[in-house]
Amino acid sequence: MNVFVFDIETVPDVDGGRRLYGLDDLSDEEVATIMFHKRRQQTGDSEFLRHHLHRIVAISVALRTPQRFKVWSLGEASSSEAELIQRFYDGLERYTPTLVSWNGGGFDLPVLHYRSLVHGIRAAKYWDVGEDDRDFKWNNYLGRYHWRHIDLMDVLAGYQARASVPLDELAVLLGLPGKMGLSGAGVWERFLAGDIGGIRDYCESDVLNTYLVYLRFQLIRGQLSELRYRQECELVRESLLHEDKAHWQAFLQRWKGA
């Protein structure tokens, strides 16, 4: 069975903000400031934009197949949003994996839906609920209680929003690194500074934290034996050791054990 863990990073969709609010003569930073202000007016305190006003700047994935494990960011730092999204859905078409996320049902997937509409991106396998593949009728990517997409935050909270916890805190409780040098709130500043590489590294770290939580989840479900669980964790360690990347070396230093 193939497993595909993913995470996205987003910034304000300033082009959309210009169209919605008639802000043609302002810079990207000025448009975003107005978008944040309008959101605070709506919520009273939070400036976190609604799903349709986000633009995706990074998608990172961890892929486990029977043959290998790999974690990386899709496309290149210079890739367009449309290319990143198309690559994501192409991966689902190719591997038909179990899709795993942290709050993917609440944020990542709805954003991908809206941005797919904006760019007109086809994703037949993802949207299939049994019309083309009968196996998808009772187990598809869109069903909340199906297992083809496992939103770990949702599942572990028993589908109760008030029981949800941040990935960072749970990861640290499990001896994992958690957030490393950045948070979602800092992505816009990094983007303005042109640090797409740093954003992609941060997104990859979140994906790896999620994958390791998933392995622990499979252990408590009885899907992995204790020995197999430790072997899977060791496979991840070995994969990172072969990557000559500073953020993976930092991850390994902070990872306290299986």
C-alpha atoms as a PDB file:
ATOM      1  CA  MET A   1       0.000   0.000   0.000  1.00  0.00           C
ATOM      2  CA  ASN A   2       1.219   3.491  -0.850  1.00  0.00           C
ATOM      3  CA  VAL A   3       1.033   6.304   1.716  1.00  0.00           C
ATOM      4  CA  PHE A   4       1.159   9.962   0.685  1.00  0.00           C
ATOM      5  CA  VAL A   5       1.507  12.524   3.494  1.00  0.00           C
ATOM      6  CA  PHE A   6       1.174  16.155   2.478  1.00  0.00           C
ATOM      7  CA  ASP A   7       1.121  19.745   3.684  1.00  0.00           C
ATOM      8  CA  ILE A   8       0.723  23.095   1.956  1.00  0.00           C
ATOM      9  CA  GLU A   9       1.986  26.597   2.696  1.00  0.00           C
ATOM     10  CA  THR A  10       0.016  29.608   1.575  1.00  0.00           C
ATOM     11  CA  VAL A  11       0.151  33.388   1.271  1.00  0.00           C
ATOM     12  CA  PRO A  12      -2.640  35.896   0.633  1.00  0.00           C
ATOM     13  CA  ASP A  13      -4.038  35.735  -2.893  1.00  0.00           C
ATOM     14  CA  VAL A  14      -3.304  39.386  -3.583  1.00  0.00           C
ATOM     15  CA  ASP A  15      -4.472  39.141  -7.207  1.00  0.00           C
ATOM     16  CA  GLY A  16      -7.824  37.918  -5.947  1.00  0.00           C
ATOM     17  CA  GLY A  17      -7.845  40.659  -3.305  1.00  0.00           C
ATOM     18  CA  ARG A  18      -7.339  43.272  -5.984  1.00  0.00           C
ATOM     19  CA  ARG A  19     -10.310  41.971  -7.974  1.00  0.00           C
ATOM     20  CA  LEU A  20     -12.601  41.609  -4.966  1.00  0.00           C
ATOM     21  CA  TYR A  21     -11.842  44.967  -3.362  1.00  0.00           C
ATOM     22  CA  GLY A  22     -10.827  47.159  -6.318  1.00  0.00           C
ATOM     23  CA  LEU A  23      -7.224  47.667  -5.196  1.00  0.00           C
ATOM     24  CA  ASP A  24      -5.532  47.875  -8.596  1.00  0.00           C
ATOM     25  CA  ASP A  25      -3.107  50.678  -7.720  1.00  0.00           C
ATOM     26  CA  LEU A  26      -1.628  49.133  -4.564  1.00  0.00           C
ATOM     27  CA  SER A  27       1.407  46.909  -4.029  1.00  0.00           C
ATOM     28  CA  ASP A  28       1.136  43.253  -3.019  1.00  0.00           C
ATOM     29  CA  GLU A  29       2.071  44.090   0.561  1.00  0.00           C
ATOM     30  CA  GLU A  30      -0.502  46.880   0.747  1.00  0.00           C
ATOM     31  CA  VAL A  31      -3.228  44.654  -0.696  1.00  0.00           C
ATOM     32  CA  ALA A  32      -2.438  41.934   1.831  1.00  0.00           C
ATOM     33  CA  THR A  33      -2.541  44.448   4.691  1.00  0.00           C
ATOM     34  CA  ILE A  34      -6.046  45.492   3.634  1.00  0.00           C
ATOM     35  CA  MET A  35      -7.123  41.853   3.316  1.00  0.00           C
ATOM     36  CA  PHE A  36      -5.859  41.137   6.838  1.00  0.00           C
ATOM     37  CA  HIS A  37      -7.628  44.250   8.146  1.00  0.00           C
ATOM     38  CA  LYS A  38     -10.933  43.250   6.554  1.00  0.00           C
ATOM     39  CA  ARG A  39     -10.620  39.802   8.090  1.00  0.00           C
ATOM     40  CA  ARG A  40     -10.013  41.261  11.558  1.00  0.00           C
ATOM     41  CA  GLN A  41     -13.155  43.359  11.107  1.00  0.00           C
ATOM     42  CA  GLN A  42     -15.107  40.164  10.381  1.00  0.00           C
ATOM     43  CA  THR A  43     -13.700  38.078  13.225  1.00  0.00           C
ATOM     44  CA  GLY A  44     -12.897  40.658  15.881  1.00  0.00           C
ATOM     45  CA  ASP A  45      -9.318  39.458  16.379  1.00  0.00           C
ATOM     46  CA  SER A  46      -8.030  36.889  13.852  1.00  0.00           C
ATOM     47  CA  GLU A  47      -6.598  37.960  10.515  1.00  0.00           C
ATOM     48  CA  PHE A  48      -6.372  34.393   9.190  1.00  0.00           C
ATOM     49  CA  LEU A  49      -7.942  34.631   5.742  1.00  0.00           C
ATOM     50  CA  ARG A  50     -10.817  32.486   4.548  1.00  0.00           C
ATOM     51  CA  HIS A  51      -9.881  29.480   2.429  1.00  0.00           C
ATOM     52  CA  HIS A  52     -10.641  30.994  -0.976  1.00  0.00           C
ATOM     53  CA  LEU A  53      -8.296  33.930  -0.356  1.00  0.00           C
ATOM     54  CA  HIS A  54      -5.134  31.834   0.002  1.00  0.00           C
ATOM     55  CA  ARG A  55      -2.550  31.134  -2.694  1.00  0.00           C
ATOM     56  CA  ILE A  56      -0.375  28.019  -2.466  1.00  0.00           C
ATOM     57  CA  VAL A  57       3.389  28.607  -2.594  1.00  0.00           C
ATOM     58  CA  ALA A  58       4.625  25.190  -1.432  1.00  0.00           C
ATOM     59  CA  ILE A  59       3.368  21.612  -1.306  1.00  0.00           C
ATOM     60  CA  SER A  60       5.545  19.063   0.454  1.00  0.00           C
ATOM     61  CA  VAL A  61       4.951  15.323   0.547  1.00  0.00           C
ATOM     62  CA  ALA A  62       6.287  12.163   2.137  1.00  0.00           C
ATOM     63  CA  LEU A  63       5.778   9.076   0.008  1.00  0.00           C
ATOM     64  CA  ARG A  64       6.041   5.533   1.349  1.00  0.00           C
ATOM     65  CA  THR A  65       5.740   2.751  -1.195  1.00  0.00           C
ATOM     66  CA  PRO A  66       6.663  -0.915  -0.709  1.00  0.00           C
ATOM     67  CA  GLN A  67      10.011  -0.053  -2.311  1.00  0.00           C
ATOM     68  CA  ARG A  68      11.047   3.266  -0.764  1.00  0.00           C
ATOM     69  CA  PHE A  69      10.500   6.287   1.457  1.00  0.00           C
ATOM     70  CA  LYS A  70      11.049   9.843   0.261  1.00  0.00           C
ATOM     71  CA  VAL A  71      10.147  13.341   1.470  1.00  0.00           C
ATOM     72  CA  TRP A  72      10.406  16.392  -0.774  1.00  0.00           C
ATOM     73  CA  SER A  73       8.676  19.516  -2.051  1.00  0.00           C
ATOM     74  CA  LEU A  74       6.849  19.354  -5.348  1.00  0.00           C
ATOM     75  CA  GLY A  75       8.209  21.253  -8.312  1.00  0.00           C
ATOM     76  CA  GLU A  76      10.870  23.912  -7.940  1.00  0.00           C
ATOM     77  CA  ALA A  77      11.037  27.132  -5.949  1.00  0.00           C
ATOM     78  CA  SER A  78      10.157  28.932  -9.176  1.00  0.00           C
ATOM     79  CA  SER A  79       7.185  26.679 -10.050  1.00  0.00           C
ATOM     80  CA  SER A  80       3.799  28.304 -10.527  1.00  0.00           C
ATOM     81  CA  GLU A  81       0.911  27.547  -8.209  1.00  0.00           C
ATOM     82  CA  ALA A  82      -0.872  25.694 -11.011  1.00  0.00           C
ATOM     83  CA  GLU A  83       2.155  23.429 -11.558  1.00  0.00           C
ATOM     84  CA  LEU A  84       2.416  22.606  -7.850  1.00  0.00           C
ATOM     85  CA  ILE A  85      -1.264  21.660  -7.659  1.00  0.00           C
ATOM     86  CA  GLN A  86      -1.116  19.622 -10.866  1.00  0.00           C
ATOM     87  CA  ARG A  87       1.881  17.682  -9.552  1.00  0.00           C
ATOM     88  CA  PHE A  88       0.017  16.935  -6.336  1.00  0.00           C
ATOM     89  CA  TYR A  89      -2.964  15.472  -8.140  1.00  0.00           C
ATOM     90  CA  ASP A  90      -0.713  13.662 -10.613  1.00  0.00           C
ATOM     91  CA  GLY A  91       0.791  11.841  -7.619  1.00  0.00           C
ATOM     92  CA  LEU A  92      -2.658  10.653  -6.580  1.00  0.00           C
ATOM     93  CA  GLU A  93      -3.387   9.494 -10.112  1.00  0.00           C
ATOM     94  CA  ARG A  94      -0.121   7.559 -10.260  1.00  0.00           C
ATOM     95  CA  TYR A  95      -0.048   5.900  -6.834  1.00  0.00           C
ATOM     96  CA  THR A  96      -3.713   5.903  -5.648  1.00  0.00           C
ATOM     97  CA  PRO A  97      -2.300   6.203  -2.118  1.00  0.00           C
ATOM     98  CA  THR A  98      -3.727   6.544   1.331  1.00  0.00           C
ATOM     99  CA  LEU A  99      -3.625  10.314   1.740  1.00  0.00           C
ATOM    100  CA  VAL A 100      -2.538  11.529   5.194  1.00  0.00           C
ATOM    101  CA  SER A 101      -2.645  15.064   6.593  1.00  0.00           C
ATOM    102  CA  TRP A 102      -2.893  17.141   9.723  1.00  0.00           C
ATOM    103  CA  ASN A 103      -6.024  19.296   9.415  1.00  0.00           C
ATOM    104  CA  GLY A 104      -6.084  18.543   5.698  1.00  0.00           C
ATOM    105  CA  GLY A 105      -9.854  18.240   5.727  1.00  0.00           C
ATOM    106  CA  GLY A 106     -10.230  21.559   7.497  1.00  0.00           C
ATOM    107  CA  PHE A 107      -7.719  23.598   5.527  1.00  0.00           C
ATOM    108  CA  ASP A 108      -5.347  22.075   2.956  1.00  0.00           C
ATOM    109  CA  LEU A 109      -7.884  20.213   0.823  1.00  0.00           C
ATOM    110  CA  PRO A 110     -10.492  23.009   0.677  1.00  0.00           C
ATOM    111  CA  VAL A 111      -7.745  25.430  -0.389  1.00  0.00           C
ATOM    112  CA  LEU A 112      -6.639  22.963  -3.059  1.00  0.00           C
ATOM    113  CA  HIS A 113     -10.252  22.694  -4.227  1.00  0.00           C
ATOM    114  CA  TYR A 114     -10.662  26.446  -4.658  1.00  0.00           C
ATOM    115  CA  ARG A 115      -7.273  26.929  -6.308  1.00  0.00           C
ATOM    116  CA  SER A 116      -7.984  24.026  -8.658  1.00  0.00           C
ATOM    117  CA  LEU A 117     -11.127  25.850  -9.728  1.00  0.00           C
ATOM    118  CA  VAL A 118      -9.140  29.036 -10.309  1.00  0.00           C
ATOM    119  CA  HIS A 119      -6.637  27.234 -12.553  1.00  0.00           C
ATOM    120  CA  GLY A 120      -8.997  24.666 -14.095  1.00  0.00           C
ATOM    121  CA  ILE A 121      -6.962  21.665 -12.911  1.00  0.00           C
ATOM    122  CA  ARG A 122      -8.376  18.193 -13.537  1.00  0.00           C
ATOM    123  CA  ALA A 123      -8.088  15.500 -10.865  1.00  0.00           C
ATOM    124  CA  ALA A 124     -10.356  12.617 -11.825  1.00  0.00           C
ATOM    125  CA  LYS A 125      -9.061  10.096  -9.288  1.00  0.00           C
ATOM    126  CA  TYR A 126      -9.295  12.518  -6.390  1.00  0.00           C
ATOM    127  CA  TRP A 127     -12.905  13.478  -7.128  1.00  0.00           C
ATOM    128  CA  ASP A 128     -14.073   9.941  -7.905  1.00  0.00           C
ATOM    129  CA  VAL A 129     -16.805   8.766  -5.519  1.00  0.00           C
ATOM    130  CA  GLY A 130     -17.603   5.560  -7.373  1.00  0.00           C
ATOM    131  CA  GLU A 131     -18.603   6.661 -10.866  1.00  0.00           C
ATOM    132  CA  ASP A 132     -15.380   5.417 -12.479  1.00  0.00           C
ATOM    133  CA  ASP A 133     -13.938   3.059  -9.861  1.00  0.00           C
ATOM    134  CA  ARG A 134     -16.446   1.043  -7.816  1.00  0.00           C
ATOM    135  CA  ASP A 135     -13.890   0.664  -5.002  1.00  0.00           C
ATOM    136  CA  PHE A 136     -14.221   4.405  -4.417  1.00  0.00           C
ATOM    137  CA  LYS A 137     -17.952   4.261  -3.706  1.00  0.00           C
ATOM    138  CA  TRP A 138     -17.470   3.416  -0.036  1.00  0.00           C
ATOM    139  CA  ASN A 139     -13.884   4.578   0.417  1.00  0.00           C
ATOM    140  CA  ASN A 140     -12.861   7.788  -1.337  1.00  0.00           C
ATOM    141  CA  TYR A 141     -10.791  10.905  -0.698  1.00  0.00           C
ATOM    142  CA  LEU A 142     -13.823  13.072   0.039  1.00  0.00           C
ATOM    143  CA  GLY A 143     -15.582  10.992   2.712  1.00  0.00           C
ATOM    144  CA  ARG A 144     -14.790  12.260   6.212  1.00  0.00           C
ATOM    145  CA  TYR A 145     -15.087   8.848   7.833  1.00  0.00           C
ATOM    146  CA  HIS A 146     -13.341   6.933   5.043  1.00  0.00           C
ATOM    147  CA  TRP A 147      -9.728   5.824   5.262  1.00  0.00           C
ATOM    148  CA  ARG A 148      -8.462   6.831   1.817  1.00  0.00           C
ATOM    149  CA  HIS A 149      -7.781  10.247   3.336  1.00  0.00           C
ATOM    150  CA  ILE A 150      -6.807  10.221   7.010  1.00  0.00           C
ATOM    151  CA  ASP A 151      -6.872  13.645   8.631  1.00  0.00           C
ATOM    152  CA  LEU A 152      -4.935  12.731  11.755  1.00  0.00           C
ATOM    153  CA  MET A 153      -5.984  15.842  13.662  1.00  0.00           C
ATOM    154  CA  ASP A 154      -9.635  15.074  13.016  1.00  0.00           C
ATOM    155  CA  VAL A 155      -9.376  11.346  13.742  1.00  0.00           C
ATOM    156  CA  LEU A 156      -7.340  11.666  16.944  1.00  0.00           C
ATOM    157  CA  ALA A 157      -9.757  14.306  18.248  1.00  0.00           C
ATOM    158  CA  GLY A 158     -12.643  11.896  17.725  1.00  0.00           C
ATOM    159  CA  TYR A 159     -14.071  14.327  15.144  1.00  0.00           C
ATOM    160  CA  GLN A 160     -14.622  16.865  17.938  1.00  0.00           C
ATOM    161  CA  ALA A 161     -13.248  20.318  17.095  1.00  0.00           C
ATOM    162  CA  ARG A 162     -12.780  21.249  20.764  1.00  0.00           C
ATOM    163  CA  ALA A 163     -10.495  18.221  21.225  1.00  0.00           C
ATOM    164  CA  SER A 164      -8.135  19.159  18.371  1.00  0.00           C
ATOM    165  CA  VAL A 165      -4.512  19.926  19.218  1.00  0.00           C
ATOM    166  CA  PRO A 166      -1.676  21.623  17.285  1.00  0.00           C
ATOM    167  CA  LEU A 167       0.669  19.318  15.394  1.00  0.00           C
ATOM    168  CA  ASP A 168       3.662  21.067  16.930  1.00  0.00           C
ATOM    169  CA  GLU A 169       2.630  20.318  20.511  1.00  0.00           C
ATOM    170  CA  LEU A 170       1.689  16.696  19.871  1.00  0.00           C
ATOM    171  CA  ALA A 171       4.907  16.108  17.946  1.00  0.00           C
ATOM    172  CA  VAL A 172       6.997  17.432  20.848  1.00  0.00           C
ATOM    173  CA  LEU A 173       5.099  15.193  23.283  1.00  0.00           C
ATOM    174  CA  LEU A 174       6.106  12.233  21.100  1.00  0.00           C
ATOM    175  CA  GLY A 175       9.776  13.215  21.111  1.00  0.00           C
ATOM    176  CA  LEU A 176       9.674  14.707  17.610  1.00  0.00           C
ATOM    177  CA  PRO A 177      11.144  18.090  16.624  1.00  0.00           C
ATOM    178  CA  GLY A 178       7.857  19.905  15.991  1.00  0.00           C
ATOM    179  CA  LYS A 179       8.155  23.378  14.468  1.00  0.00           C
ATOM    180  CA  MET A 180      11.652  24.293  13.386  1.00  0.00           C
ATOM    181  CA  GLY A 181      12.447  27.985  13.009  1.00  0.00           C
ATOM    182  CA  LEU A 182       9.177  29.070  11.430  1.00  0.00           C
ATOM    183  CA  SER A 183       5.424  28.931  11.876  1.00  0.00           C
ATOM    184  CA  GLY A 184       2.563  29.339   9.464  1.00  0.00           C
ATOM    185  CA  ALA A 185       2.125  32.946  10.586  1.00  0.00           C
ATOM    186  CA  GLY A 186       5.647  33.769   9.386  1.00  0.00           C
ATOM    187  CA  VAL A 187       5.282  32.404   5.855  1.00  0.00           C
ATOM    188  CA  TRP A 188       4.058  35.707   4.373  1.00  0.00           C
ATOM    189  CA  GLU A 189       7.087  37.602   5.706  1.00  0.00           C
ATOM    190  CA  ARG A 190       9.434  34.937   4.352  1.00  0.00           C
ATOM    191  CA  PHE A 191       7.630  35.085   1.016  1.00  0.00           C
ATOM    192  CA  LEU A 192       8.027  38.862   0.801  1.00  0.00           C
ATOM    193  CA  ALA A 193      11.722  38.387   1.539  1.00  0.00           C
ATOM    194  CA  GLY A 194      11.981  35.931  -1.353  1.00  0.00           C
ATOM    195  CA  ASP A 195      12.813  32.962   0.877  1.00  0.00           C
ATOM    196  CA  ILE A 196      10.817  30.282  -0.939  1.00  0.00           C
ATOM    197  CA  GLY A 197      13.518  27.764  -0.108  1.00  0.00           C
ATOM    198  CA  GLY A 198      13.054  28.361   3.613  1.00  0.00           C
ATOM    199  CA  ILE A 199       9.288  27.982   3.243  1.00  0.00           C
ATOM    200  CA  ARG A 200       9.716  24.674   1.413  1.00  0.00           C
ATOM    201  CA  ASP A 201      12.121  23.400   4.104  1.00  0.00           C
ATOM    202  CA  TYR A 202       9.609  24.338   6.808  1.00  0.00           C
ATOM    203  CA  CYS A 203       6.787  22.609   4.925  1.00  0.00           C
ATOM    204  CA  GLU A 204       8.873  19.448   4.547  1.00  0.00           C
ATOM    205  CA  SER A 205       9.545  19.397   8.296  1.00  0.00           C
ATOM    206  CA  ASP A 206       5.815  19.605   9.005  1.00  0.00           C
ATOM    207  CA  VAL A 207       5.206  16.728   6.607  1.00  0.00           C
ATOM    208  CA  LEU A 208       7.819  14.592   8.308  1.00  0.00           C
ATOM    209  CA  ASN A 209       6.399  15.317  11.757  1.00  0.00           C
ATOM    210  CA  THR A 210       2.998  14.277  10.397  1.00  0.00           C
ATOM    211  CA  TYR A 211       4.359  11.072   8.871  1.00  0.00           C
ATOM    212  CA  LEU A 212       6.017  10.065  12.138  1.00  0.00           C
ATOM    213  CA  VAL A 213       2.789  10.740  14.041  1.00  0.00           C
ATOM    214  CA  TYR A 214       1.055   8.566  11.439  1.00  0.00           C
ATOM    215  CA  LEU A 215       3.478   5.717  12.122  1.00  0.00           C
ATOM    216  CA  ARG A 216       2.689   5.956  15.838  1.00  0.00           C
ATOM    217  CA  PHE A 217      -1.012   5.970  14.967  1.00  0.00           C
ATOM    218  CA  GLN A 218      -0.546   2.798  12.922  1.00  0.00           C
ATOM    219  CA  LEU A 219       1.203   1.259  15.941  1.00  0.00           C
ATOM    220  CA  ILE A 220      -1.690   1.937  18.319  1.00  0.00           C
ATOM    221  CA  ARG A 221      -4.166   0.731  15.664  1.00  0.00           C
ATOM    222  CA  GLY A 222      -2.364  -2.599  15.539  1.00  0.00           C
ATOM    223  CA  GLN A 223      -1.423  -2.078  11.902  1.00  0.00           C
ATOM    224  CA  LEU A 224       2.288  -2.070  12.788  1.00  0.00           C
ATOM    225  CA  SER A 225       4.030  -4.334  15.265  1.00  0.00           C
ATOM    226  CA  GLU A 226       6.510  -2.752  17.674  1.00  0.00           C
ATOM    227  CA  LEU A 227       9.376  -4.175  15.608  1.00  0.00           C
ATOM    228  CA  ARG A 228       7.932  -2.973  12.306  1.00  0.00           C
ATOM    229  CA  TYR A 229       7.267   0.470  13.786  1.00  0.00           C
ATOM    230  CA  ARG A 230      10.898   0.840  14.834  1.00  0.00           C
ATOM    231  CA  GLN A 231      12.058  -0.403  11.444  1.00  0.00           C
ATOM    232  CA  GLU A 232       9.913   2.218   9.711  1.00  0.00           C
ATOM    233  CA  CYS A 233      11.351   4.951  11.945  1.00  0.00           C
ATOM    234  CA  GLU A 234      14.857   3.717  11.178  1.00  0.00           C
ATOM    235  CA  LEU A 235      14.104   3.855   7.470  1.00  0.00           C
ATOM    236  CA  VAL A 236      13.211   7.530   7.885  1.00  0.00           C
ATOM    237  CA  ARG A 237      16.437   8.198   9.792  1.00  0.00           C
ATOM    238  CA  GLU A 238      18.518   6.516   7.118  1.00  0.00           C
ATOM    239  CA  SER A 239      16.760   8.464   4.379  1.00  0.00           C
ATOM    240  CA  LEU A 240      17.487  11.781   6.102  1.00  0.00           C
ATOM    241  CA  LEU A 241      21.118  10.858   6.727  1.00  0.00           C
ATOM    242  CA  HIS A 242      21.601  10.422   2.981  1.00  0.00           C
ATOM    243  CA  GLU A 243      20.180  13.892   2.291  1.00  0.00           C
ATOM    244  CA  ASP A 244      22.800  16.645   2.415  1.00  0.00           C
ATOM    245  CA  LYS A 245      20.376  19.269   3.711  1.00  0.00           C
ATOM    246  CA  ALA A 246      20.784  21.401   6.816  1.00  0.00           C
ATOM    247  CA  HIS A 247      17.146  21.221   7.901  1.00  0.00           C
ATOM    248  CA  TRP A 248      17.256  17.407   7.911  1.00  0.00           C
ATOM    249  CA  GLN A 249      20.415  17.345   9.988  1.00  0.00           C
ATOM    250  CA  ALA A 250      18.731  19.717  12.448  1.00  0.00           C
ATOM    251  CA  PHE A 251      15.639  17.481  12.444  1.00  0.00           C
ATOM    252  CA  LEU A 252      17.724  14.415  13.297  1.00  0.00           C
ATOM    253  CA  GLN A 253      19.495  16.242  16.132  1.00  0.00           C
ATOM    254  CA  ARG A 254      16.160  17.168  17.716  1.00  0.00           C
ATOM    255  CA  TRP A 255      14.457  13.798  17.164  1.00  0.00           C
ATOM    256  CA  LYS A 256      14.632  12.092  20.546  1.00  0.00           C
ATOM    257  CA  GLY A 257      13.692   8.602  19.442  1.00  0.00           C
ATOM    258  CA  ALA A 258      11.016   6.307  18.071  1.00  0.00           C
END
